[in-house]
Amino acid sequence: LADCYAIGTVLRLYHNIVKTVNVGGCRIGDDGLTAILPALLQTQAMTDLRLAQNDLSDKHAESLSAVVHNNKSTLLHLYTAFNNFTDYGAAHVNQHTHLCTKLVAVAVGASRSANQETALGTLR
């Protein structure tokens, strides 16, 4: 968790120039995301957001949607698959991706969905 607070501090200091946030596979969980989310919400030039395989739940789905919205003109890759999102959470995370003018790859999935499918795809 201390690493997540350090990441959050760096993101807050450099929110206007950070291009990539990659904590994929780090298993930061909801507590780790709580530590970095305020800084993620400040970013507006991110090209890659990689949060796959982190044991995230629906708790922050709406906030992650706001992060996507804030970076809609720069975001190229969004990876949040293989977490513990329900269909509800996955839908929230995904709700602003249609506004992302440069998005070329997305992996947003609901690990606890009824059919256990993960939405993986390449756009354009």
Protein backbone atom coordinates (compact mmCIF):
# COMPACT_ATOMS: atom_id res chain seq x y z
CA LEU A 1 0.00 0.00 0.00
CA ALA A 2 2.92 2.34 0.66
CA ASP A 3 3.95 1.94 -2.98
CA CYS A 4 0.50 3.12 -4.07
CA TYR A 5 0.80 6.25 -1.94
CA ALA A 6 4.19 6.90 -3.56
CA ILE A 7 2.66 6.45 -7.02
CA GLY A 8 -0.13 8.82 -6.04
CA THR A 9 2.39 11.44 -4.92
CA VAL A 10 4.30 11.24 -8.21
CA LEU A 11 1.05 11.43 -10.19
CA ARG A 12 -0.06 14.51 -8.25
CA LEU A 13 3.26 16.24 -8.87
CA TYR A 14 3.38 15.40 -12.58
CA HIS A 15 -0.33 15.02 -13.44
CA ASN A 16 0.02 17.26 -16.49
CA ILE A 17 2.82 15.22 -18.10
CA VAL A 18 2.18 11.61 -17.03
CA LYS A 19 1.44 9.52 -20.12
CA THR A 20 1.35 5.98 -18.73
CA VAL A 21 0.09 4.48 -15.50
CA ASN A 22 0.84 0.76 -15.44
CA VAL A 23 0.10 -1.16 -12.28
CA GLY A 24 -1.28 -4.16 -14.15
CA GLY A 25 -0.89 -7.42 -12.27
CA CYS A 26 0.23 -5.72 -9.06
CA ARG A 27 -2.85 -6.79 -7.08
CA ILE A 28 -3.21 -3.34 -5.52
CA GLY A 29 -6.87 -3.95 -4.66
CA ASP A 30 -9.41 -1.30 -3.82
CA ASP A 31 -7.22 0.13 -1.05
CA GLY A 32 -4.32 0.68 -3.46
CA LEU A 33 -6.61 2.30 -5.99
CA THR A 34 -7.97 4.55 -3.23
CA ALA A 35 -4.41 5.77 -2.73
CA ILE A 36 -3.80 6.70 -6.38
CA LEU A 37 -7.30 7.63 -7.54
CA PRO A 38 -7.27 11.31 -6.47
CA ALA A 39 -4.13 11.82 -8.55
CA LEU A 40 -5.52 9.82 -11.48
CA LEU A 41 -8.54 12.12 -11.48
CA GLN A 42 -6.19 15.10 -12.04
CA THR A 43 -4.53 13.64 -15.15
CA GLN A 44 -5.56 14.98 -18.54
CA ALA A 45 -2.84 13.78 -20.91
CA MET A 46 -2.63 10.05 -20.17
CA THR A 47 -2.26 7.69 -23.14
CA ASP A 48 -2.14 4.35 -21.31
CA LEU A 49 -4.08 3.26 -18.23
CA ARG A 50 -3.28 -0.31 -17.24
CA LEU A 51 -5.13 -1.59 -14.17
CA ALA A 52 -5.76 -5.22 -15.17
CA GLN A 53 -5.41 -8.02 -12.62
CA ASN A 54 -5.62 -5.88 -9.50
CA ASP A 55 -8.54 -7.39 -7.56
CA LEU A 56 -10.55 -4.20 -8.09
CA SER A 57 -14.27 -4.23 -7.34
CA ASP A 58 -17.16 -2.00 -8.34
CA LYS A 59 -16.25 0.38 -5.47
CA HIS A 60 -14.35 2.81 -7.74
CA ALA A 61 -15.98 2.05 -11.10
CA GLU A 62 -17.64 5.46 -11.40
CA SER A 63 -14.40 7.25 -10.51
CA LEU A 64 -12.48 5.23 -13.10
CA SER A 65 -15.09 6.32 -15.61
CA ALA A 66 -14.30 9.94 -14.71
CA VAL A 67 -10.57 9.26 -15.26
CA VAL A 68 -11.39 7.94 -18.74
CA HIS A 69 -13.55 10.99 -19.42
CA ASN A 70 -10.82 13.40 -18.24
CA ASN A 71 -8.35 11.80 -20.67
CA LYS A 72 -10.74 11.30 -23.56
CA SER A 73 -8.65 13.26 -26.07
CA THR A 74 -5.39 11.40 -25.35
CA LEU A 75 -6.20 7.88 -24.11
CA LEU A 76 -4.95 5.15 -26.48
CA HIS A 77 -5.08 2.03 -24.29
CA LEU A 78 -7.38 1.09 -21.41
CA TYR A 79 -6.86 -2.21 -19.62
CA THR A 80 -9.06 -3.01 -16.64
CA ALA A 81 -9.90 -6.64 -17.36
CA PHE A 82 -9.44 -9.56 -14.98
CA ASN A 83 -10.54 -7.72 -11.87
CA ASN A 84 -13.60 -8.34 -9.71
CA PHE A 85 -15.99 -6.01 -11.51
CA THR A 86 -19.57 -7.11 -11.93
CA ASP A 87 -21.38 -6.26 -15.15
CA TYR A 88 -22.48 -3.05 -13.41
CA GLY A 89 -18.91 -2.00 -12.61
CA ALA A 90 -17.57 -2.91 -16.05
CA ALA A 91 -20.35 -0.88 -17.67
CA HIS A 92 -19.42 2.18 -15.58
CA VAL A 93 -15.71 1.91 -16.39
CA ASN A 94 -16.59 1.55 -20.08
CA GLN A 95 -19.28 4.23 -20.30
CA HIS A 96 -17.04 7.04 -21.63
CA THR A 97 -14.82 5.03 -23.97
CA HIS A 98 -16.95 6.07 -26.96
CA LEU A 99 -15.81 9.67 -26.33
CA CYS A 100 -12.12 8.72 -26.55
CA THR A 101 -11.10 10.03 -29.95
CA LYS A 102 -7.76 8.17 -30.08
CA LEU A 103 -8.59 4.93 -28.26
CA VAL A 104 -7.16 1.98 -30.20
CA ALA A 105 -7.27 -0.86 -27.66
CA VAL A 106 -9.53 -1.64 -24.76
CA ALA A 107 -9.80 -4.56 -22.35
CA VAL A 108 -12.62 -3.89 -19.93
CA GLY A 109 -14.21 -6.90 -18.36
CA ALA A 110 -16.55 -8.08 -15.68
CA SER A 111 -14.78 -10.94 -13.95
CA ARG A 112 -17.85 -11.77 -11.89
CA SER A 113 -20.37 -11.41 -14.70
CA ALA A 114 -22.99 -14.05 -15.23
CA ASN A 115 -21.28 -15.49 -18.29
CA GLN A 116 -17.65 -14.87 -17.14
CA GLU A 117 -16.75 -13.22 -20.47
CA THR A 118 -14.24 -10.42 -20.72
CA ALA A 119 -14.66 -7.71 -23.33
CA LEU A 120 -11.38 -7.60 -25.20
CA GLY A 121 -10.98 -5.77 -28.47
CA THR A 122 -9.14 -3.50 -30.77
CA LEU A 123 -10.85 -0.40 -32.07
CA ARG A 124 -10.46 1.19 -35.48
